[in-house]
Protein backbone atom coordinates (compact mmCIF):
# COMPACT_ATOMS: atom_id res chain seq x y z
CA MET A 1 87.90 102.67 86.43
CA ASP A 2 91.39 105.21 87.01
CA ILE A 3 90.29 108.25 88.80
CA ARG A 4 93.51 110.73 88.26
CA ILE A 5 94.12 113.82 90.32
CA LEU A 6 97.76 114.05 90.62
CA GLY A 7 98.37 116.54 87.84
CA SER A 8 95.22 117.32 85.31
CA LEU A 9 92.23 115.74 86.14
CA GLU A 10 91.81 112.31 83.93
CA ALA A 11 89.15 109.68 84.30
CA GLY A 12 89.57 106.07 82.41
CA SER A 13 87.66 103.22 82.05
CA GLY A 14 88.85 99.58 80.24
CA GLY A 15 91.68 101.49 78.68
CA HIS A 16 89.57 104.41 77.16
CA LYS A 17 89.27 108.27 78.22
CA VAL A 18 86.37 109.04 79.96
CA ASP A 19 84.62 112.54 78.68
CA LEU A 20 84.03 114.22 81.51
CA GLY A 21 82.10 117.04 80.24
CA LEU A 22 82.00 120.79 81.02
CA ARG A 23 84.50 122.33 83.47
CA GLN A 24 81.88 122.54 86.53
CA ALA A 25 81.36 119.02 86.36
CA ARG A 26 85.33 118.22 86.01
CA VAL A 27 84.93 120.68 89.29
CA VAL A 28 82.64 118.53 91.04
CA LEU A 29 84.28 115.31 90.23
CA GLY A 30 88.05 116.78 91.67
CA VAL A 31 86.42 117.62 94.96
CA LEU A 32 84.42 114.28 94.92
CA ALA A 33 87.69 112.60 94.43
CA LEU A 34 89.92 114.56 96.46
CA ARG A 35 87.09 113.71 99.62
CA ALA A 36 86.76 110.18 97.87
CA GLY A 37 84.88 107.29 100.47
CA SER A 38 83.36 110.79 102.02
CA ALA A 39 80.44 112.64 102.19
CA VAL A 40 80.19 116.03 100.32
CA ARG A 41 77.70 117.81 100.80
CA THR A 42 76.01 120.09 98.08
CA ALA A 43 76.56 123.40 99.77
CA GLU A 44 80.49 122.55 99.68
CA LEU A 45 80.37 121.79 95.89
CA ALA A 46 78.68 125.20 95.15
CA ASP A 47 81.40 126.90 97.24
CA GLN A 48 83.85 125.68 94.51
CA LEU A 49 81.71 126.25 91.38
CA TRP A 50 80.44 129.67 92.29
CA PRO A 51 83.20 131.49 95.46
CA GLY A 52 81.07 134.57 94.58
CA GLY A 53 77.72 133.26 95.70
CA PRO A 54 75.53 130.36 93.67
CA PRO A 55 72.47 131.48 91.42
CA PRO A 56 68.98 130.91 92.30
CA SER A 57 68.75 127.57 90.37
CA TRP A 58 71.97 126.14 91.88
CA GLU A 59 70.57 122.73 93.60
CA GLY A 60 69.43 121.70 90.24
CA THR A 61 72.46 122.74 88.44
CA VAL A 62 74.67 120.68 91.01
CA GLN A 63 72.29 117.66 90.71
CA SER A 64 72.59 117.95 86.26
CA HIS A 65 76.49 117.88 86.81
CA VAL A 66 76.29 114.59 89.07
CA SER A 67 73.98 112.75 86.86
CA ARG A 68 76.15 113.68 83.91
CA LEU A 69 79.34 112.23 85.70
CA ARG A 70 77.16 108.90 86.93
CA ARG A 71 76.45 108.10 83.13
CA ALA A 72 80.16 109.08 82.12
CA LEU A 73 81.73 106.65 84.89
CA GLU A 74 79.06 104.07 84.43
CA PRO A 75 78.16 103.83 80.55
CA ASP A 76 76.86 100.21 81.31
CA ARG A 77 74.82 100.89 83.89
CA ARG A 78 70.69 100.68 83.04
CA PRO A 79 68.41 103.31 83.12
CA ARG A 80 66.98 103.81 86.73
CA GLU A 81 69.11 101.74 88.15
CA PRO A 82 70.78 103.19 91.23
CA SER A 83 74.71 104.39 90.80
CA THR A 84 76.75 102.44 93.12
CA ARG A 85 80.05 105.03 91.92
CA ILE A 86 78.06 108.18 93.32
CA THR A 87 76.01 107.38 95.82
CA THR A 88 73.59 109.99 97.39
CA HIS A 89 73.42 110.63 100.89
CA GLY A 90 70.84 113.60 102.41
CA ASP A 91 72.07 116.21 100.79
CA ALA A 92 75.59 115.01 99.91
CA TYR A 93 77.31 112.98 97.43
CA VAL A 94 80.22 110.05 98.04
CA LEU A 95 82.52 109.03 95.35
CA HIS A 96 83.28 105.31 96.02
CA LEU A 97 86.95 103.89 94.72
CA ASP A 98 88.91 101.02 95.42
CA ASP A 99 92.63 101.80 96.72
CA ASP A 100 93.80 100.81 92.75
CA GLU A 101 91.45 103.27 90.99
CA MET A 102 92.97 106.37 92.20
CA ASP A 103 96.19 107.60 91.45
CA ALA A 104 96.30 109.51 94.90
CA ARG A 105 95.82 106.53 96.91
CA ARG A 106 98.51 104.35 95.07
CA PHE A 107 100.93 107.35 95.71
CA GLU A 108 100.20 107.01 99.65
CA ASN A 109 100.08 103.28 99.57
CA GLY A 110 103.39 103.16 97.57
CA ALA A 111 104.97 105.86 100.01
CA ALA A 112 103.67 103.77 103.11
CA ALA A 113 105.31 100.67 101.94
CA ALA A 114 108.81 102.40 101.03
CA ARG A 115 108.67 103.69 104.41
CA ALA A 116 108.38 100.38 105.87
CA ALA A 117 111.08 99.05 103.51
CA MET A 118 113.18 101.98 104.95
CA ALA A 119 112.40 101.05 108.39
CA LYS A 120 113.95 97.54 107.97
CA GLY A 121 116.86 98.58 106.50
CA GLU A 122 115.84 97.80 102.73
CA HIS A 123 117.15 100.59 101.21
CA HIS A 124 117.19 99.56 97.49
CA ARG A 125 113.66 98.31 97.85
CA ALA A 126 112.95 101.43 99.42
CA LEU A 127 114.16 103.49 96.78
CA GLU A 128 112.68 101.47 94.19
CA LEU A 129 109.19 101.51 95.88
CA PHE A 130 109.39 105.59 96.53
CA GLU A 131 110.33 105.98 92.69
CA GLN A 132 107.26 104.05 91.44
CA ALA A 133 104.99 106.08 94.16
CA LEU A 134 106.45 109.79 92.90
CA ALA A 135 105.70 108.36 89.10
CA GLU A 136 102.22 108.79 89.51
CA TRP A 137 102.57 112.75 89.81
CA ARG A 138 102.14 114.60 86.67
CA GLY A 139 101.99 117.85 87.84
CA PRO A 140 100.25 119.30 90.83
CA VAL A 141 96.97 118.46 91.96
CA LEU A 142 94.07 119.28 89.74
CA ALA A 143 96.13 121.43 87.61
CA ASP A 144 93.57 122.32 85.15
CA LEU A 145 91.04 123.29 87.73
CA GLY A 146 93.24 125.90 89.32
CA ASP A 147 91.72 128.42 91.67
CA SER A 148 88.61 126.28 91.91
CA VAL A 149 90.51 123.45 94.17
CA SER A 150 93.45 125.22 95.19
CA LEU A 151 92.19 126.30 98.99
CA ILE A 152 90.82 122.79 99.73
CA PRO A 153 92.93 121.47 102.67
CA GLU A 154 93.46 118.14 100.74
CA VAL A 155 95.22 119.77 98.15
CA GLY A 156 97.80 121.21 100.49
CA ARG A 157 98.52 117.56 102.40
CA LEU A 158 98.90 115.70 99.22
CA GLU A 159 101.56 118.53 97.71
CA GLU A 160 103.05 118.12 101.33
CA LEU A 161 103.05 114.65 101.15
CA ARG A 162 104.69 114.47 97.78
CA THR A 163 107.26 117.08 98.98
CA LEU A 164 108.13 114.47 102.03
CA ALA A 165 108.54 111.53 99.75
CA GLY A 166 110.63 113.13 97.39
CA GLU A 167 113.06 114.22 100.71
CA GLU A 168 112.78 110.33 101.76
CA ARG A 169 113.64 109.32 97.92
CA CYS A 170 116.99 111.15 98.64
CA GLU A 171 117.20 109.71 101.93
CA ALA A 172 117.02 106.15 100.19
CA LEU A 173 119.58 107.10 97.24
CA LEU A 174 121.81 108.16 100.24
CA ALA A 175 121.69 105.26 101.86
CA VAL A 176 122.52 102.95 98.91
CA GLY A 177 125.60 105.45 97.97
CA GLY A 178 123.78 107.15 94.98
CA HIS A 179 125.47 110.68 95.88
CA ARG A 180 125.59 112.16 92.70
CA ARG A 181 122.05 111.39 91.88
CA ALA A 182 120.77 112.69 95.56
CA VAL A 183 123.00 116.28 95.11
CA ALA A 184 121.26 116.80 91.57
CA ASP A 185 117.44 116.22 93.04
CA LEU A 186 118.20 118.12 96.41
CA GLU A 187 119.70 121.18 94.03
CA ALA A 188 116.54 121.28 92.51
CA MET A 189 114.63 120.65 95.50
CA VAL A 190 116.22 123.50 97.50
CA GLU A 191 115.97 125.95 94.51
CA ALA A 192 112.39 125.44 94.57
CA ASN A 193 112.02 125.11 98.31
CA PRO A 194 114.87 127.09 100.03
CA LEU A 195 112.87 126.97 103.79
CA ARG A 196 112.55 123.16 103.83
CA GLU A 197 114.72 122.09 106.35
CA ARG A 198 115.17 118.58 105.41
CA CYS A 199 116.16 118.99 101.88
CA TRP A 200 119.17 120.99 103.44
CA GLU A 201 120.14 118.22 106.27
CA LEU A 202 119.94 115.90 103.41
CA LEU A 203 122.01 117.81 101.22
CA PRO A 204 125.16 116.23 101.23
CA VAL A 205 127.77 118.99 102.57
CA GLY A 206 129.70 116.30 104.06
CA SER A 207 131.36 115.29 100.97
CA VAL A 208 132.73 119.00 100.79
CA PRO A 209 136.57 119.70 101.82
CA GLU A 210 136.31 120.69 105.32
CA ARG A 211 138.92 123.50 106.78
CA PRO A 212 140.19 123.92 110.08
CA ALA A 213 137.96 125.96 112.45
CA VAL A 214 138.85 127.81 115.70
CA GLY A 215 138.11 125.46 118.85
CA GLY A 216 138.35 122.17 117.44
CA GLY A 217 135.81 120.68 115.51
CA SER A 218 135.40 121.24 111.43
CA GLN A 219 134.10 123.83 109.33
CA ILE A 220 131.91 123.32 105.88
CA PRO A 221 132.18 126.10 103.61
CA GLY A 222 129.12 127.63 102.96
CA GLY A 223 127.39 124.60 104.49
CA PRO A 224 123.64 125.07 106.22
CA ASP A 225 123.30 124.50 109.90
CA PRO A 226 120.48 121.75 110.06
CA ALA A 227 119.42 123.20 113.38
CA GLY A 228 119.21 127.28 111.68
CA ARG A 229 122.21 128.28 113.06
CA GLY A 230 123.18 129.92 109.77
CA VAL A 231 125.78 129.36 106.79
CA GLY A 232 128.97 127.78 107.67
CA HIS A 233 128.57 126.02 111.07
CA ARG A 234 130.81 123.72 112.52
CA ALA A 235 130.61 120.35 112.06
CA ARG A 236 131.80 117.63 114.58
CA PRO A 237 134.39 114.93 113.50
CA GLY A 238 131.89 111.87 113.51
CA SER A 239 128.76 113.53 113.54
CA ALA A 240 126.13 112.53 110.84
CA LEU A 241 127.41 114.96 108.20
CA THR A 242 130.97 114.06 108.16
CA ARG A 243 131.17 110.46 109.31
CA GLY A 244 133.42 108.33 106.28
CA GLY A 245 133.28 111.66 104.33
CA HIS A 246 129.68 111.00 103.02
CA PRO A 247 126.32 112.24 104.78
CA LEU A 248 124.51 109.58 106.49
CA PRO A 249 120.40 109.42 106.65
CA ARG A 250 118.83 110.71 109.90
CA PRO A 251 115.28 110.53 111.18
CA LEU A 252 112.83 112.37 109.53
CA THR A 253 112.15 115.64 110.37
CA ARG A 254 109.03 117.90 109.24
CA SER A 255 109.38 121.54 108.27
CA ARG A 256 108.34 124.11 110.20
CA GLY A 257 108.26 126.56 108.48
CA PRO A 258 106.65 127.48 105.23
CA GLU A 259 107.59 124.84 101.87
CA CYS A 260 108.28 127.39 99.40
CA ALA A 261 109.64 130.64 99.13
CA SER A 262 112.07 132.75 96.97
CA ARG A 263 113.74 134.43 100.12
CA GLY A 264 115.86 133.47 103.01
CA SER A 265 114.95 133.95 106.64
CA PRO A 266 117.09 134.48 109.75
CA GLY A 267 119.51 131.08 109.77
CA VAL A 268 118.01 129.49 106.77
CA PRO A 269 119.72 130.21 103.63
CA GLY A 270 117.87 131.46 100.35
CA ARG A 271 118.37 130.84 96.46
CA ALA A 272 122.04 132.17 96.34
CA ALA A 273 123.15 130.24 99.70
CA ALA A 274 121.72 127.25 97.76
CA ALA A 275 123.91 127.41 94.70
CA GLY A 276 126.65 128.08 96.91
CA VAL A 277 126.38 124.86 98.85
CA ALA A 278 125.45 122.73 95.93
CA ALA A 279 127.35 123.55 93.54
CA PRO A 280 130.37 122.72 95.52
CA ALA A 281 129.84 119.61 97.03
CA ARG A 282 128.41 118.51 93.23
CA GLU A 283 131.81 119.21 91.83
CA HIS A 284 133.60 117.30 94.89
CA LEU A 285 131.30 114.31 94.33
CA ARG A 286 132.53 114.22 90.49
CA GLY A 287 136.11 114.33 91.30
CA ALA A 288 135.73 111.48 93.70
């Protein structure tokens, strides 16, 4: 069995695609998959199926969808034989999946293994593992279900982990000398998430030729300050951003602000500044 939620909802078994039926049945499976291994109450499923309030016969409708899913996911199960894939616990259902049976779990486990490799200094191995983990993604979580699942906390958690893994992959790229690839990928990430601090920290502005600054140190043209002091900050000689003419990876820090925005905020550049920094960095690297 293979359940895929990192993109449109898909299910497969034995190399064949499973027909999940109508949209409401797909919503039920999507919610159960997001909480795989945990009990999901029928009332929670009803909230996702009928945001404006369920109809009088909603409980029977939910049961019907679950029965349909059980038949689809366990085609060889004999009549009246209890399901082992979707089990009933009081007024709740649990979807049972092994770690290798769902793309979200493969992604999380792969990213965790990549972080462990980074911690050991195995940067090439870490890069390989990050790229394998990120390859599980085909689009936004449950993209075909849209608003039906968009407010479920697990959706936001997975999207955050995807962005985090993308940043860590760029960190591994920088560690192995893949500056050109890192710049190209970080440009796209900064364009999509201009308030994402880690993207700005990893963008190799240290590769841009420096100009003298008053009071010692150096000034990076158009460079963003990871500490939030704005564009054109002073960089200390020998700092993590400038040592050896290339940026060095620094300990990972989570963004404290919104992940995505189309506007800037005090101390954090927006889209225009992103282009102003990324472009000279890219041109310098091409000439290196």
